[in-house]
Amino acid sequence: VLAYTKVRVDGKQSDYSVIQTEYDFGSQSSYYVSLGTNLNQTSLYLGVYGSMKVTDYHQGTIFEIIQ
C-alpha cells in the first residue's frame, strides 16, 4: 500500500490518500520511484519495477496519479 499527502500552507497536518496499485509482483520485492509531474503539476508519475537492475526489461509499469 502506498499513501501520499499534500503540503498545507498553514502548517497544519493534512489527511492522506491511499494509492492502490494492484500490480502483482508475487513474493518478489517491488521498487518505486517518482518520475515527476506534468507541467501544470496535476499529475504525478510513479514507476514501479520488479528488479533493482534497470537492464532487466519488462518487469514493471508506470502509474499516473491524477489530482
N, C-alpha and C. Protein backbone atom coordinates (compact mmCIF):
# COMPACT_ATOMS: atom_id res chain seq x y z
N VAL A 1 0.85 -1.18 0.00
CA VAL A 1 0.00 0.00 0.00
C VAL A 1 0.89 1.24 0.00
N LEU A 2 0.55 2.18 -0.84
CA LEU A 2 1.24 3.47 -0.88
C LEU A 2 0.28 4.56 -0.44
N ALA A 3 0.82 5.59 0.17
CA ALA A 3 -0.01 6.72 0.58
C ALA A 3 0.71 8.02 0.26
N TYR A 4 -0.06 9.08 0.11
CA TYR A 4 0.53 10.39 -0.13
C TYR A 4 -0.31 11.45 0.58
N THR A 5 0.26 12.61 0.75
CA THR A 5 -0.44 13.74 1.34
C THR A 5 0.01 15.01 0.65
N LYS A 6 -0.79 16.04 0.76
CA LYS A 6 -0.44 17.34 0.19
C LYS A 6 0.07 18.25 1.29
N VAL A 7 0.99 19.13 0.94
CA VAL A 7 1.52 20.10 1.88
C VAL A 7 0.50 21.23 2.04
N ARG A 8 0.25 21.61 3.28
CA ARG A 8 -0.65 22.72 3.55
C ARG A 8 0.16 23.97 3.87
N VAL A 9 -0.27 25.11 3.37
CA VAL A 9 0.47 26.35 3.59
C VAL A 9 0.31 26.87 5.01
N ASP A 10 -0.73 26.43 5.73
CA ASP A 10 -0.94 26.89 7.10
C ASP A 10 -0.16 26.07 8.13
N GLY A 11 0.59 25.06 7.68
CA GLY A 11 1.43 24.27 8.57
C GLY A 11 0.70 23.17 9.32
N LYS A 12 -0.61 23.05 9.16
CA LYS A 12 -1.37 22.00 9.84
C LYS A 12 -1.21 20.68 9.10
N GLN A 13 -1.48 19.59 9.84
CA GLN A 13 -1.43 18.28 9.21
C GLN A 13 -2.59 18.13 8.24
N SER A 14 -2.34 17.41 7.17
CA SER A 14 -3.41 17.15 6.21
C SER A 14 -3.66 15.65 6.16
N ASP A 15 -4.84 15.29 5.70
CA ASP A 15 -5.19 13.88 5.56
C ASP A 15 -4.34 13.25 4.47
N TYR A 16 -4.26 11.94 4.50
CA TYR A 16 -3.52 11.23 3.47
C TYR A 16 -4.49 10.45 2.60
N SER A 17 -4.05 10.13 1.42
CA SER A 17 -4.82 9.31 0.49
C SER A 17 -4.01 8.06 0.18
N VAL A 18 -4.70 6.97 -0.05
CA VAL A 18 -4.06 5.68 -0.33
C VAL A 18 -4.08 5.43 -1.83
N ILE A 19 -2.97 4.93 -2.34
CA ILE A 19 -2.85 4.55 -3.75
C ILE A 19 -2.90 3.03 -3.81
N GLN A 20 -3.89 2.48 -4.47
CA GLN A 20 -4.00 1.03 -4.66
C GLN A 20 -3.39 0.70 -6.02
N THR A 21 -2.20 0.13 -6.02
CA THR A 21 -1.51 -0.14 -7.28
C THR A 21 -2.02 -1.40 -7.96
N GLU A 22 -2.38 -2.42 -7.20
CA GLU A 22 -2.90 -3.68 -7.73
C GLU A 22 -2.03 -4.26 -8.85
N TYR A 23 -0.75 -4.14 -8.69
CA TYR A 23 0.20 -4.73 -9.64
C TYR A 23 0.90 -5.86 -8.90
N ASP A 24 0.71 -7.09 -9.34
CA ASP A 24 1.15 -8.27 -8.59
C ASP A 24 2.58 -8.65 -8.95
N PHE A 25 3.48 -8.49 -7.97
CA PHE A 25 4.85 -8.95 -8.13
C PHE A 25 5.06 -10.28 -7.41
N GLY A 26 3.99 -10.87 -6.90
CA GLY A 26 4.11 -12.13 -6.17
C GLY A 26 4.90 -11.92 -4.89
N SER A 27 5.81 -12.83 -4.60
CA SER A 27 6.62 -12.71 -3.38
C SER A 27 7.87 -11.86 -3.61
N GLN A 28 8.07 -11.41 -4.84
CA GLN A 28 9.24 -10.61 -5.20
C GLN A 28 9.07 -9.16 -4.70
N SER A 29 10.16 -8.53 -4.35
CA SER A 29 10.14 -7.12 -3.94
C SER A 29 9.79 -6.23 -5.12
N SER A 30 9.25 -5.07 -4.82
CA SER A 30 9.00 -4.08 -5.86
C SER A 30 9.65 -2.77 -5.45
N TYR A 31 10.09 -2.02 -6.44
CA TYR A 31 10.85 -0.80 -6.22
C TYR A 31 10.11 0.37 -6.88
N TYR A 32 9.84 1.38 -6.09
CA TYR A 32 9.07 2.53 -6.56
C TYR A 32 9.98 3.75 -6.70
N VAL A 33 9.69 4.56 -7.71
CA VAL A 33 10.44 5.80 -7.91
C VAL A 33 9.50 6.85 -8.49
N SER A 34 9.63 8.07 -8.01
CA SER A 34 8.86 9.17 -8.57
C SER A 34 9.51 9.59 -9.88
N LEU A 35 8.72 9.65 -10.93
CA LEU A 35 9.24 10.05 -12.24
C LEU A 35 8.97 11.52 -12.54
N GLY A 36 8.24 12.19 -11.65
CA GLY A 36 7.99 13.62 -11.82
C GLY A 36 6.53 13.91 -12.11
N THR A 37 6.27 15.13 -12.55
CA THR A 37 4.91 15.59 -12.80
C THR A 37 4.80 16.14 -14.22
N ASN A 38 3.56 16.44 -14.61
CA ASN A 38 3.37 17.16 -15.87
C ASN A 38 3.63 18.65 -15.61
N LEU A 39 3.56 19.47 -16.63
CA LEU A 39 3.96 20.88 -16.49
C LEU A 39 3.10 21.66 -15.51
N ASN A 40 1.79 21.40 -15.46
CA ASN A 40 0.94 22.16 -14.53
C ASN A 40 0.74 21.42 -13.20
N GLN A 41 1.49 20.38 -12.97
CA GLN A 41 1.55 19.62 -11.72
C GLN A 41 0.19 19.08 -11.28
N THR A 42 -0.62 18.63 -12.23
CA THR A 42 -1.89 17.99 -11.89
C THR A 42 -1.79 16.48 -11.92
N SER A 43 -0.70 15.95 -12.44
CA SER A 43 -0.48 14.50 -12.48
C SER A 43 0.92 14.18 -11.98
N LEU A 44 1.01 13.10 -11.22
CA LEU A 44 2.29 12.60 -10.73
C LEU A 44 2.52 11.25 -11.40
N TYR A 45 3.72 11.00 -11.86
CA TYR A 45 4.05 9.74 -12.50
C TYR A 45 4.94 8.93 -11.57
N LEU A 46 4.52 7.70 -11.32
CA LEU A 46 5.20 6.82 -10.38
C LEU A 46 5.59 5.54 -11.10
N GLY A 47 6.87 5.21 -11.07
CA GLY A 47 7.34 3.98 -11.69
C GLY A 47 7.49 2.89 -10.65
N VAL A 48 7.14 1.68 -11.02
CA VAL A 48 7.32 0.53 -10.12
C VAL A 48 7.97 -0.58 -10.94
N TYR A 49 8.97 -1.23 -10.35
CA TYR A 49 9.75 -2.21 -11.07
C TYR A 49 10.01 -3.42 -10.18
N GLY A 50 10.14 -4.57 -10.77
CA GLY A 50 10.35 -5.81 -10.04
C GLY A 50 11.80 -6.18 -9.85
N SER A 51 12.72 -5.30 -10.22
CA SER A 51 14.14 -5.60 -10.10
C SER A 51 14.90 -4.31 -9.82
N MET A 52 16.02 -4.43 -9.11
CA MET A 52 16.88 -3.26 -8.91
C MET A 52 17.72 -2.97 -10.14
N LYS A 53 17.81 -3.92 -11.06
CA LYS A 53 18.62 -3.75 -12.27
C LYS A 53 17.76 -3.17 -13.39
N VAL A 54 18.13 -2.02 -13.89
CA VAL A 54 17.35 -1.41 -14.97
C VAL A 54 17.53 -2.16 -16.28
N THR A 55 18.49 -3.06 -16.35
CA THR A 55 18.69 -3.84 -17.57
C THR A 55 17.81 -5.08 -17.61
N ASP A 56 17.07 -5.36 -16.54
CA ASP A 56 16.08 -6.45 -16.55
C ASP A 56 14.78 -5.88 -17.13
N TYR A 57 14.59 -6.08 -18.42
CA TYR A 57 13.49 -5.43 -19.14
C TYR A 57 12.14 -6.06 -18.83
N HIS A 58 11.09 -5.27 -19.03
CA HIS A 58 9.68 -5.69 -18.96
C HIS A 58 9.29 -6.27 -17.61
N GLN A 59 9.70 -5.62 -16.54
CA GLN A 59 9.35 -6.10 -15.20
C GLN A 59 8.61 -5.06 -14.38
N GLY A 60 8.03 -4.08 -15.01
CA GLY A 60 7.35 -3.05 -14.23
C GLY A 60 6.33 -2.28 -15.04
N THR A 61 5.88 -1.21 -14.44
CA THR A 61 4.88 -0.37 -15.09
C THR A 61 4.99 1.05 -14.55
N ILE A 62 4.22 1.94 -15.15
CA ILE A 62 4.16 3.34 -14.73
C ILE A 62 2.72 3.67 -14.38
N PHE A 63 2.54 4.36 -13.26
CA PHE A 63 1.22 4.81 -12.85
C PHE A 63 1.13 6.31 -12.99
N GLU A 64 -0.02 6.79 -13.43
CA GLU A 64 -0.31 8.22 -13.47
C GLU A 64 -1.30 8.50 -12.35
N ILE A 65 -0.91 9.32 -11.41
CA ILE A 65 -1.77 9.67 -10.29
C ILE A 65 -2.32 11.05 -10.58
N ILE A 66 -3.64 11.14 -10.75
CA ILE A 66 -4.29 12.37 -11.18
C ILE A 66 -4.92 13.06 -9.98
N GLN A 67 -4.72 14.36 -9.91
CA GLN A 67 -5.27 15.16 -8.81
C GLN A 67 -6.75 15.31 -8.94
